[in-house]
Amino acid sequence: MNALVHNGRVVIVLCALALVVVASPARPHADDPVKEARETITVFKKADPGISKFFEEAAGYAVFSTVAKGAIGVGGAGGSGVLFERGQAIGKASLAQVTVGLQFGGQAYSEVVFFETAAALTDFRKGSFALAAQVSAVAAAAGASANAKYANGVAVFTVAKGGLMYEASVGGQKFGYEPFGTKK
């Protein structure tokens, strides 16, 4: 029994170390989230040039430069980002996710949530927006956006940054929003 407890602790420590490495990538513009978000947009456009149409036509989009995710059975993810309306940065966004199922590991990725209509963007700006587990993210790669479609006024794209995650899980994402110039 002691060996099992010890091995369990070792696994937890190793996962915690993996999460620290994955969750703390070099962030040269951490003090300027808008600049960091714009650089992330460039990464998405390089990964899939066709995604430019989403950036041009969407009523708005939330850019999360780094989302850190980790799990041992139960998982969680989180990140902060910037909300854009018609290409202009208008506020800070936050993302939180909880998942359950067969999953193990840690990873970091970037995510962009596009809002097709002003109504979808307004829902996000209310600060209690959530995506159901059924909403699928599209991995940005050459040509991936060509067949991507909005679901309930929202389209989600991701780009992997690092880490390793084994996963067959279900969960949803919850978002928060704060306009620039306000403190909560």
N, C-alpha and C. Protein backbone atom coordinates (compact mmCIF):
# COMPACT_ATOMS: atom_id res chain seq x y z
N MET A 1 0.82 -1.19 0.00
CA MET A 1 0.00 0.00 0.00
C MET A 1 0.87 1.26 0.00
N ASN A 2 1.96 1.25 0.79
CA ASN A 2 2.86 2.41 0.82
C ASN A 2 3.46 2.68 -0.56
N ALA A 3 3.79 1.63 -1.31
CA ALA A 3 4.36 1.81 -2.65
C ALA A 3 3.34 2.47 -3.57
N LEU A 4 2.07 2.09 -3.43
CA LEU A 4 1.02 2.67 -4.26
C LEU A 4 0.85 4.16 -3.95
N VAL A 5 0.83 4.51 -2.67
CA VAL A 5 0.72 5.91 -2.27
C VAL A 5 1.93 6.68 -2.77
N HIS A 6 3.13 6.10 -2.57
CA HIS A 6 4.36 6.76 -3.03
C HIS A 6 4.32 6.97 -4.54
N ASN A 7 3.95 5.93 -5.31
CA ASN A 7 3.89 6.05 -6.77
C ASN A 7 2.85 7.08 -7.19
N GLY A 8 1.75 7.13 -6.49
CA GLY A 8 0.72 8.13 -6.77
C GLY A 8 1.25 9.53 -6.55
N ARG A 9 2.01 9.72 -5.48
CA ARG A 9 2.61 11.04 -5.21
C ARG A 9 3.61 11.42 -6.29
N VAL A 10 4.39 10.45 -6.74
CA VAL A 10 5.37 10.71 -7.79
C VAL A 10 4.66 11.16 -9.06
N VAL A 11 3.58 10.47 -9.41
CA VAL A 11 2.82 10.85 -10.60
C VAL A 11 2.28 12.26 -10.45
N ILE A 12 1.74 12.60 -9.30
CA ILE A 12 1.19 13.93 -9.07
C ILE A 12 2.29 14.99 -9.17
N VAL A 13 3.43 14.72 -8.58
CA VAL A 13 4.54 15.67 -8.64
C VAL A 13 5.02 15.85 -10.08
N LEU A 14 5.16 14.75 -10.82
CA LEU A 14 5.58 14.85 -12.22
C LEU A 14 4.58 15.64 -13.05
N CYS A 15 3.29 15.41 -12.83
CA CYS A 15 2.27 16.17 -13.56
C CYS A 15 2.31 17.64 -13.18
N ALA A 16 2.51 17.92 -11.91
CA ALA A 16 2.59 19.32 -11.48
C ALA A 16 3.78 20.01 -12.13
N LEU A 17 4.91 19.31 -12.19
CA LEU A 17 6.08 19.89 -12.85
C LEU A 17 5.83 20.11 -14.34
N ALA A 18 5.17 19.15 -14.99
CA ALA A 18 4.84 19.30 -16.41
C ALA A 18 3.94 20.51 -16.62
N LEU A 19 2.98 20.69 -15.73
CA LEU A 19 2.08 21.84 -15.86
C LEU A 19 2.81 23.16 -15.68
N VAL A 20 3.76 23.20 -14.76
CA VAL A 20 4.52 24.43 -14.54
C VAL A 20 5.30 24.78 -15.81
N VAL A 21 5.93 23.77 -16.41
CA VAL A 21 6.70 24.00 -17.64
C VAL A 21 5.78 24.45 -18.76
N VAL A 22 4.65 23.78 -18.93
CA VAL A 22 3.72 24.09 -20.01
C VAL A 22 3.04 25.43 -19.78
N ALA A 23 2.67 25.70 -18.55
CA ALA A 23 1.88 26.90 -18.25
C ALA A 23 2.71 28.16 -18.18
N SER A 24 4.02 28.04 -18.23
CA SER A 24 4.83 29.25 -18.13
C SER A 24 5.80 29.40 -19.30
N PRO A 25 5.25 29.40 -20.54
CA PRO A 25 6.14 29.63 -21.67
C PRO A 25 6.66 31.06 -21.66
N ALA A 26 7.74 31.28 -22.38
CA ALA A 26 8.29 32.64 -22.45
C ALA A 26 7.23 33.58 -23.00
N ARG A 27 6.98 34.66 -22.30
CA ARG A 27 5.96 35.62 -22.70
C ARG A 27 6.59 37.00 -22.75
N PRO A 28 7.22 37.35 -23.87
CA PRO A 28 7.93 38.61 -23.95
C PRO A 28 7.03 39.83 -23.83
N HIS A 29 5.73 39.69 -24.10
CA HIS A 29 4.83 40.84 -24.07
C HIS A 29 3.74 40.66 -23.02
N ALA A 30 4.04 39.95 -21.94
CA ALA A 30 3.05 39.70 -20.91
C ALA A 30 2.52 40.99 -20.30
N ASP A 31 3.33 42.06 -20.33
CA ASP A 31 2.88 43.33 -19.79
C ASP A 31 2.07 44.12 -20.81
N ASP A 32 1.96 43.65 -22.05
CA ASP A 32 1.17 44.30 -23.09
C ASP A 32 0.29 43.24 -23.76
N PRO A 33 -0.87 42.95 -23.15
CA PRO A 33 -1.71 41.87 -23.67
C PRO A 33 -2.24 42.13 -25.09
N VAL A 34 -2.43 43.38 -25.47
CA VAL A 34 -2.93 43.68 -26.82
C VAL A 34 -1.86 43.33 -27.85
N LYS A 35 -0.62 43.70 -27.57
CA LYS A 35 0.48 43.36 -28.49
C LYS A 35 0.62 41.84 -28.59
N GLU A 36 0.55 41.18 -27.46
CA GLU A 36 0.65 39.72 -27.45
C GLU A 36 -0.50 39.10 -28.25
N ALA A 37 -1.71 39.64 -28.11
CA ALA A 37 -2.86 39.12 -28.85
C ALA A 37 -2.67 39.33 -30.35
N ARG A 38 -2.17 40.49 -30.74
CA ARG A 38 -1.95 40.76 -32.17
C ARG A 38 -0.89 39.81 -32.74
N GLU A 39 0.14 39.49 -31.96
CA GLU A 39 1.14 38.53 -32.41
C GLU A 39 0.53 37.13 -32.54
N THR A 40 -0.39 36.81 -31.65
CA THR A 40 -1.09 35.52 -31.73
C THR A 40 -1.95 35.46 -32.99
N ILE A 41 -2.60 36.55 -33.33
CA ILE A 41 -3.39 36.61 -34.57
C ILE A 41 -2.49 36.31 -35.77
N THR A 42 -1.28 36.86 -35.77
CA THR A 42 -0.32 36.60 -36.85
C THR A 42 0.02 35.11 -36.93
N VAL A 43 0.17 34.47 -35.77
CA VAL A 43 0.46 33.03 -35.73
C VAL A 43 -0.69 32.25 -36.38
N PHE A 44 -1.93 32.62 -36.05
CA PHE A 44 -3.09 31.93 -36.64
C PHE A 44 -3.13 32.14 -38.15
N LYS A 45 -2.87 33.35 -38.60
CA LYS A 45 -2.91 33.64 -40.04
C LYS A 45 -1.80 32.91 -40.79
N LYS A 46 -0.65 32.72 -40.15
CA LYS A 46 0.43 31.96 -40.78
C LYS A 46 0.07 30.47 -40.84
N ALA A 47 -0.57 29.97 -39.78
CA ALA A 47 -0.95 28.56 -39.74
C ALA A 47 -2.02 28.25 -40.78
N ASP A 48 -2.94 29.19 -41.00
CA ASP A 48 -4.02 29.00 -41.97
C ASP A 48 -4.41 30.35 -42.55
N PRO A 49 -3.83 30.72 -43.69
CA PRO A 49 -4.14 32.03 -44.28
C PRO A 49 -5.64 32.26 -44.51
N GLY A 50 -6.40 31.21 -44.72
CA GLY A 50 -7.84 31.34 -44.95
C GLY A 50 -8.60 31.86 -43.74
N ILE A 51 -7.98 31.82 -42.56
CA ILE A 51 -8.65 32.28 -41.35
C ILE A 51 -8.83 33.80 -41.37
N SER A 52 -8.11 34.47 -42.25
CA SER A 52 -8.22 35.93 -42.36
C SER A 52 -9.67 36.37 -42.58
N LYS A 53 -10.44 35.57 -43.31
CA LYS A 53 -11.84 35.94 -43.56
C LYS A 53 -12.63 35.99 -42.26
N PHE A 54 -12.30 35.13 -41.31
CA PHE A 54 -12.99 35.18 -40.01
C PHE A 54 -12.63 36.47 -39.28
N PHE A 55 -11.34 36.83 -39.28
CA PHE A 55 -10.92 38.06 -38.61
C PHE A 55 -11.57 39.28 -39.27
N GLU A 56 -11.71 39.27 -40.58
CA GLU A 56 -12.27 40.41 -41.31
C GLU A 56 -13.78 40.52 -41.18
N GLU A 57 -14.49 39.40 -41.15
CA GLU A 57 -15.95 39.42 -41.22
C GLU A 57 -16.65 39.27 -39.87
N ALA A 58 -15.96 38.81 -38.86
CA ALA A 58 -16.60 38.60 -37.55
C ALA A 58 -16.97 39.92 -36.90
N ALA A 59 -18.05 39.91 -36.14
CA ALA A 59 -18.43 41.10 -35.36
C ALA A 59 -17.39 41.36 -34.28
N GLY A 60 -16.75 40.30 -33.81
CA GLY A 60 -15.72 40.41 -32.79
C GLY A 60 -15.05 39.07 -32.57
N TYR A 61 -13.97 39.09 -31.79
CA TYR A 61 -13.27 37.85 -31.47
C TYR A 61 -12.46 38.05 -30.20
N ALA A 62 -12.34 36.96 -29.45
CA ALA A 62 -11.53 36.94 -28.24
C ALA A 62 -10.28 36.12 -28.54
N VAL A 63 -9.11 36.70 -28.25
CA VAL A 63 -7.83 36.06 -28.52
C VAL A 63 -7.18 35.70 -27.19
N PHE A 64 -6.95 34.41 -26.99
CA PHE A 64 -6.27 33.91 -25.79
C PHE A 64 -4.91 33.41 -26.25
N SER A 65 -3.86 34.17 -25.97
CA SER A 65 -2.53 33.85 -26.46
C SER A 65 -1.99 32.56 -25.86
N THR A 66 -2.24 32.34 -24.57
CA THR A 66 -1.82 31.09 -23.93
C THR A 66 -2.91 30.59 -23.01
N VAL A 67 -3.38 29.38 -23.30
CA VAL A 67 -4.30 28.66 -22.43
C VAL A 67 -3.52 27.47 -21.90
N ALA A 68 -3.42 27.35 -20.59
CA ALA A 68 -2.71 26.22 -19.97
C ALA A 68 -3.74 25.19 -19.53
N LYS A 69 -3.48 23.93 -19.86
CA LYS A 69 -4.43 22.85 -19.56
C LYS A 69 -3.68 21.69 -18.93
N GLY A 70 -4.26 21.10 -17.90
CA GLY A 70 -3.66 19.94 -17.26
C GLY A 70 -4.73 19.04 -16.69
N ALA A 71 -4.41 17.75 -16.57
CA ALA A 71 -5.41 16.81 -16.08
C ALA A 71 -4.80 15.53 -15.56
N ILE A 72 -5.45 14.99 -14.57
CA ILE A 72 -5.27 13.62 -14.11
C ILE A 72 -6.68 13.16 -13.77
N GLY A 73 -7.39 12.62 -14.75
CA GLY A 73 -8.79 12.23 -14.56
C GLY A 73 -9.71 13.43 -14.69
N VAL A 74 -9.60 14.37 -13.77
CA VAL A 74 -10.34 15.64 -13.86
C VAL A 74 -9.35 16.67 -14.36
N GLY A 75 -9.78 17.49 -15.31
CA GLY A 75 -8.87 18.46 -15.89
C GLY A 75 -9.36 19.88 -15.76
N GLY A 76 -8.46 20.78 -15.97
CA GLY A 76 -8.80 22.19 -15.94
C GLY A 76 -7.92 22.95 -16.90
N ALA A 77 -8.43 24.08 -17.36
CA ALA A 77 -7.67 24.95 -18.25
C ALA A 77 -8.03 26.38 -17.92
N GLY A 78 -7.11 27.27 -18.22
CA GLY A 78 -7.39 28.68 -17.98
C GLY A 78 -6.45 29.56 -18.78
N GLY A 79 -6.91 30.77 -19.00
CA GLY A 79 -6.09 31.73 -19.71
C GLY A 79 -6.76 33.09 -19.70
N SER A 80 -5.98 34.09 -20.06
CA SER A 80 -6.53 35.44 -20.18
C SER A 80 -6.24 35.93 -21.59
N GLY A 81 -7.06 36.87 -22.05
CA GLY A 81 -6.90 37.33 -23.41
C GLY A 81 -7.47 38.72 -23.61
N VAL A 82 -7.71 39.03 -24.88
CA VAL A 82 -8.20 40.35 -25.27
C VAL A 82 -9.41 40.17 -26.18
N LEU A 83 -10.44 40.98 -25.95
CA LEU A 83 -11.62 40.98 -26.81
C LEU A 83 -11.50 42.11 -27.82
N PHE A 84 -11.73 41.77 -29.09
CA PHE A 84 -11.70 42.74 -30.18
C PHE A 84 -13.10 42.88 -30.76
N GLU A 85 -13.46 44.11 -31.09
CA GLU A 85 -14.70 44.36 -31.80
C GLU A 85 -14.34 45.08 -33.09
N ARG A 86 -14.66 44.45 -34.23
CA ARG A 86 -14.31 45.00 -35.56
C ARG A 86 -12.84 45.40 -35.64
N GLY A 87 -11.97 44.57 -35.07
CA GLY A 87 -10.54 44.79 -35.16
C GLY A 87 -9.93 45.67 -34.09
N GLN A 88 -10.74 46.28 -33.23
CA GLN A 88 -10.24 47.16 -32.17
C GLN A 88 -10.29 46.45 -30.82
N ALA A 89 -9.19 46.49 -30.07
CA ALA A 89 -9.15 45.89 -28.74
C ALA A 89 -10.04 46.72 -27.81
N ILE A 90 -10.99 46.03 -27.13
CA ILE A 90 -11.94 46.76 -26.28
C ILE A 90 -11.93 46.32 -24.82
N GLY A 91 -11.29 45.18 -24.52
CA GLY A 91 -11.29 44.75 -23.13
C GLY A 91 -10.56 43.45 -22.89
N LYS A 92 -10.54 43.07 -21.62
CA LYS A 92 -9.87 41.84 -21.19
C LYS A 92 -10.88 40.70 -21.13
N ALA A 93 -10.42 39.53 -21.50
CA ALA A 93 -11.26 38.34 -21.46
C ALA A 93 -10.56 37.27 -20.62
N SER A 94 -11.35 36.40 -20.01
CA SER A 94 -10.78 35.28 -19.26
C SER A 94 -11.50 34.01 -19.68
N LEU A 95 -10.79 32.90 -19.56
CA LEU A 95 -11.30 31.60 -19.96
C LEU A 95 -11.03 30.60 -18.84
N ALA A 96 -12.03 29.80 -18.50
CA ALA A 96 -11.87 28.71 -17.53
C ALA A 96 -12.58 27.49 -18.08
N GLN A 97 -11.98 26.34 -17.89
CA GLN A 97 -12.56 25.10 -18.40
C GLN A 97 -12.35 23.99 -17.38
N VAL A 98 -13.36 23.15 -17.23
CA VAL A 98 -13.26 21.95 -16.40
C VAL A 98 -13.71 20.79 -17.27
N THR A 99 -12.94 19.70 -17.24
CA THR A 99 -13.28 18.51 -18.02
C THR A 99 -13.23 17.28 -17.13
N VAL A 100 -14.02 16.28 -17.49
CA VAL A 100 -14.01 14.99 -16.79
C VAL A 100 -13.92 13.90 -17.84
N GLY A 101 -13.26 12.82 -17.47
CA GLY A 101 -13.11 11.70 -18.39
C GLY A 101 -11.70 11.16 -18.33
N LEU A 102 -11.37 10.33 -19.29
CA LEU A 102 -10.04 9.74 -19.37
C LEU A 102 -9.09 10.78 -19.94
N GLN A 103 -8.20 11.31 -19.08
CA GLN A 103 -7.27 12.35 -19.52
C GLN A 103 -6.07 12.40 -18.58
N PHE A 104 -4.93 12.73 -19.15
CA PHE A 104 -3.71 12.79 -18.38
C PHE A 104 -2.70 13.64 -19.13
N GLY A 105 -2.06 14.57 -18.46
CA GLY A 105 -1.00 15.36 -19.07
C GLY A 105 -1.20 16.85 -18.92
N GLY A 106 -0.44 17.58 -19.71
CA GLY A 106 -0.53 19.03 -19.69
C GLY A 106 -0.14 19.59 -21.04
N GLN A 107 -0.74 20.70 -21.40
CA GLN A 107 -0.40 21.32 -22.67
C GLN A 107 -0.73 22.81 -22.62
N ALA A 108 -0.18 23.52 -23.56
CA ALA A 108 -0.48 24.94 -23.73
C ALA A 108 -0.89 25.14 -25.18
N TYR A 109 -1.86 26.00 -25.37
CA TYR A 109 -2.32 26.30 -26.72
C TYR A 109 -2.86 27.72 -26.77
N SER A 110 -3.03 28.23 -27.97
CA SER A 110 -3.66 29.53 -28.20
C SER A 110 -5.06 29.26 -28.73
N GLU A 111 -5.99 30.17 -28.43
CA GLU A 111 -7.37 29.98 -28.86
C GLU A 111 -7.96 31.31 -29.30
N VAL A 112 -8.74 31.28 -30.38
CA VAL A 112 -9.50 32.44 -30.82
C VAL A 112 -10.96 32.02 -30.92
N VAL A 113 -11.83 32.81 -30.29
CA VAL A 113 -13.27 32.58 -30.35
C VAL A 113 -13.85 33.71 -31.20
N PHE A 114 -14.44 33.36 -32.34
CA PHE A 114 -15.04 34.34 -33.24
C PHE A 114 -16.53 34.45 -32.98
N PHE A 115 -17.05 35.68 -33.04
CA PHE A 115 -18.47 35.93 -32.86
C PHE A 115 -19.03 36.43 -34.19
N GLU A 116 -19.93 35.67 -34.76
CA GLU A 116 -20.45 35.95 -36.09
C GLU A 116 -21.31 37.22 -36.13
N THR A 117 -22.08 37.44 -35.08
CA THR A 117 -23.03 38.55 -35.07
C THR A 117 -22.80 39.47 -33.88
N ALA A 118 -23.37 40.66 -33.97
CA ALA A 118 -23.30 41.60 -32.84
C ALA A 118 -24.00 41.01 -31.62
N ALA A 119 -25.06 40.25 -31.83
CA ALA A 119 -25.79 39.63 -30.70
C ALA A 119 -24.89 38.62 -29.97
N ALA A 120 -24.14 37.81 -30.71
CA ALA A 120 -23.23 36.85 -30.08
C ALA A 120 -22.14 37.57 -29.31
N LEU A 121 -21.63 38.66 -29.87
CA LEU A 121 -20.60 39.46 -29.20
C LEU A 121 -21.17 40.10 -27.92
N THR A 122 -22.38 40.60 -28.00
CA THR A 122 -23.04 41.20 -26.82
C THR A 122 -23.20 40.17 -25.71
N ASP A 123 -23.57 38.95 -26.07
CA ASP A 123 -23.69 37.88 -25.06
C ASP A 123 -22.36 37.66 -24.36
N PHE A 124 -21.26 37.67 -25.11
CA PHE A 124 -19.93 37.49 -24.52
C PHE A 124 -19.62 38.66 -23.58
N ARG A 125 -19.93 39.86 -24.02
CA ARG A 125 -19.60 41.06 -23.24
C ARG A 125 -20.37 41.13 -21.92
N LYS A 126 -21.44 40.38 -21.80
CA LYS A 126 -22.20 40.36 -20.54
C LYS A 126 -21.38 39.72 -19.42
N GLY A 127 -20.33 38.98 -19.79
CA GLY A 127 -19.42 38.43 -18.79
C GLY A 127 -19.79 37.08 -18.24
N SER A 128 -20.83 36.45 -18.79
CA SER A 128 -21.22 35.13 -18.29
C SER A 128 -21.40 34.15 -19.44
N PHE A 129 -20.61 34.33 -20.47
CA PHE A 129 -20.69 33.51 -21.69
C PHE A 129 -20.08 32.14 -21.43
N ALA A 130 -20.67 31.10 -22.01
CA ALA A 130 -20.14 29.75 -21.87
C ALA A 130 -20.31 29.01 -23.19
N LEU A 131 -19.38 28.11 -23.47
CA LEU A 131 -19.49 27.23 -24.62
C LEU A 131 -19.77 25.83 -24.12
N ALA A 132 -20.75 25.18 -24.69
CA ALA A 132 -21.11 23.82 -24.30
C ALA A 132 -20.03 22.85 -24.76
N ALA A 133 -20.05 21.69 -24.15
CA ALA A 133 -19.08 20.66 -24.48
C ALA A 133 -19.18 20.24 -25.95
N GLN A 134 -20.35 20.43 -26.57
CA GLN A 134 -20.54 19.99 -27.94
C GLN A 134 -19.88 20.91 -28.96
N VAL A 135 -19.46 22.12 -28.57
CA VAL A 135 -18.82 23.03 -29.50
C VAL A 135 -17.38 22.56 -29.72
N SER A 136 -17.04 22.30 -30.96
CA SER A 136 -15.71 21.79 -31.29
C SER A 136 -14.80 22.91 -31.75
N ALA A 137 -13.57 22.84 -31.32
CA ALA A 137 -12.56 23.78 -31.79
C ALA A 137 -11.90 23.19 -33.03
N VAL A 138 -11.55 24.05 -33.97
CA VAL A 138 -10.85 23.65 -35.18
C VAL A 138 -9.37 23.95 -34.97
N ALA A 139 -8.52 22.95 -35.18
CA ALA A 139 -7.08 23.17 -35.09
C ALA A 139 -6.64 23.94 -36.33
N ALA A 140 -6.10 25.13 -36.12
CA ALA A 140 -5.69 25.96 -37.26
C ALA A 140 -4.51 25.32 -37.97
N ALA A 141 -4.72 25.00 -39.22
CA ALA A 141 -3.69 24.44 -40.09
C ALA A 141 -4.07 24.84 -41.50
N ALA A 142 -3.14 24.79 -42.41
CA ALA A 142 -3.41 25.23 -43.78
C ALA A 142 -4.69 24.60 -44.30
N GLY A 143 -5.66 25.44 -44.67
CA GLY A 143 -6.91 24.98 -45.24
C GLY A 143 -8.00 24.60 -44.26
N ALA A 144 -7.68 24.54 -42.98
CA ALA A 144 -8.66 24.10 -41.98
C ALA A 144 -9.88 25.02 -41.91
N SER A 145 -9.68 26.31 -42.12
CA SER A 145 -10.79 27.26 -42.01
C SER A 145 -11.73 27.21 -43.20
N ALA A 146 -11.31 26.59 -44.31
CA ALA A 146 -12.12 26.57 -45.52
C ALA A 146 -13.49 25.95 -45.28
N ASN A 147 -13.56 24.92 -44.46
CA ASN A 147 -14.82 24.24 -44.21
C ASN A 147 -15.39 24.54 -42.83
N ALA A 148 -14.72 25.39 -42.07
CA ALA A 148 -15.19 25.73 -40.72
C ALA A 148 -16.44 26.59 -40.81
N LYS A 149 -17.37 26.34 -39.91
CA LYS A 149 -18.63 27.08 -39.88
C LYS A 149 -18.92 27.52 -38.46
N TYR A 150 -19.71 28.57 -38.36
CA TYR A 150 -20.17 29.03 -37.06
C TYR A 150 -21.23 28.06 -36.54
N ALA A 151 -21.23 27.84 -35.23
CA ALA A 151 -22.28 27.07 -34.56
C ALA A 151 -22.87 27.98 -33.49
N ASN A 152 -24.14 28.29 -33.62
CA ASN A 152 -24.81 29.20 -32.70
C ASN A 152 -24.08 30.55 -32.61
N GLY A 153 -23.57 31.02 -33.74
CA GLY A 153 -22.93 32.34 -33.80
C GLY A 153 -21.49 32.38 -33.34
N VAL A 154 -20.88 31.20 -33.10
CA VAL A 154 -19.53 31.14 -32.57
C VAL A 154 -18.69 30.13 -33.36
N ALA A 155 -17.43 30.48 -33.62
CA ALA A 155 -16.46 29.55 -34.20
C ALA A 155 -15.19 29.63 -33.37
N VAL A 156 -14.59 28.48 -33.09
CA VAL A 156 -13.42 28.42 -32.22
C VAL A 156 -12.26 27.74 -32.97
N PHE A 157 -11.08 28.38 -32.90
CA PHE A 157 -9.88 27.83 -33.50
C PHE A 157 -8.78 27.77 -32.45
N THR A 158 -7.92 26.77 -32.56
CA THR A 158 -6.79 26.63 -31.63
C THR A 158 -5.50 26.36 -32.40
N VAL A 159 -4.38 26.71 -31.77
CA VAL A 159 -3.05 26.37 -32.26
C VAL A 159 -2.27 25.83 -31.06
N ALA A 160 -1.72 24.62 -31.19
CA ALA A 160 -0.94 24.02 -30.10
C ALA A 160 0.37 24.78 -29.92
N LYS A 161 0.77 24.94 -28.65
CA LYS A 161 2.04 25.60 -28.33
C LYS A 161 3.05 24.61 -27.75
N GLY A 162 2.57 23.60 -27.03
CA GLY A 162 3.50 22.64 -26.44
C GLY A 162 2.81 21.76 -25.42
N GLY A 163 3.51 20.74 -25.00
CA GLY A 163 2.99 19.82 -24.00
C GLY A 163 2.43 18.56 -24.65
N LEU A 164 1.93 17.68 -23.82
CA LEU A 164 1.38 16.42 -24.28
C LEU A 164 0.18 16.08 -23.43
N MET A 165 -0.93 15.77 -24.09
CA MET A 165 -2.17 15.50 -23.39
C MET A 165 -2.84 14.28 -24.01
N TYR A 166 -3.15 13.29 -23.17
CA TYR A 166 -3.95 12.15 -23.59
C TYR A 166 -5.34 12.41 -23.06
N GLU A 167 -6.34 12.38 -23.97
CA GLU A 167 -7.64 12.85 -23.52
C GLU A 167 -8.78 12.23 -24.29
N ALA A 168 -9.80 11.81 -23.54
CA ALA A 168 -11.12 11.45 -24.06
C ALA A 168 -12.08 11.98 -23.00
N SER A 169 -12.36 13.26 -23.07
CA SER A 169 -13.09 13.91 -21.98
C SER A 169 -14.21 14.79 -22.52
N VAL A 170 -15.03 15.26 -21.59
CA VAL A 170 -16.13 16.15 -21.89
C VAL A 170 -16.05 17.33 -20.94
N GLY A 171 -16.28 18.51 -21.46
CA GLY A 171 -16.27 19.70 -20.62
C GLY A 171 -16.68 20.90 -21.43
N GLY A 172 -16.85 22.01 -20.77
CA GLY A 172 -17.22 23.24 -21.45
C GLY A 172 -16.32 24.36 -21.00
N GLN A 173 -16.39 25.48 -21.70
CA GLN A 173 -15.58 26.64 -21.34
C GLN A 173 -16.49 27.76 -20.87
N LYS A 174 -16.05 28.47 -19.85
CA LYS A 174 -16.76 29.64 -19.34
C LYS A 174 -15.83 30.84 -19.48
N PHE A 175 -16.40 31.97 -19.86
CA PHE A 175 -15.61 33.16 -20.15
C PHE A 175 -16.06 34.33 -19.29
N GLY A 176 -15.14 35.24 -19.09
CA GLY A 176 -15.44 36.49 -18.41
C GLY A 176 -14.97 37.64 -19.28
N TYR A 177 -15.48 38.83 -19.00
CA TYR A 177 -15.10 40.01 -19.78
C TYR A 177 -15.08 41.24 -18.89
N GLU A 178 -14.08 42.09 -19.12
CA GLU A 178 -13.97 43.37 -18.42
C GLU A 178 -13.46 44.40 -19.42
N PRO A 179 -14.25 45.48 -19.66
CA PRO A 179 -13.78 46.51 -20.59
C PRO A 179 -12.49 47.14 -20.08
N PHE A 180 -11.65 47.60 -20.99
CA PHE A 180 -10.44 48.31 -20.58
C PHE A 180 -10.84 49.54 -19.78
N GLY A 181 -10.05 49.86 -18.77
CA GLY A 181 -10.29 51.07 -17.96
C GLY A 181 -11.19 50.84 -16.77
N THR A 182 -11.63 49.60 -16.54
CA THR A 182 -12.46 49.32 -15.35
C THR A 182 -11.75 48.30 -14.47
N LYS A 183 -12.03 48.37 -13.21
CA LYS A 183 -11.47 47.41 -12.24
C LYS A 183 -12.63 46.73 -11.54
N LYS A 184 -12.53 45.41 -11.42
CA LYS A 184 -13.55 44.66 -10.69
C LYS A 184 -13.03 44.26 -9.36
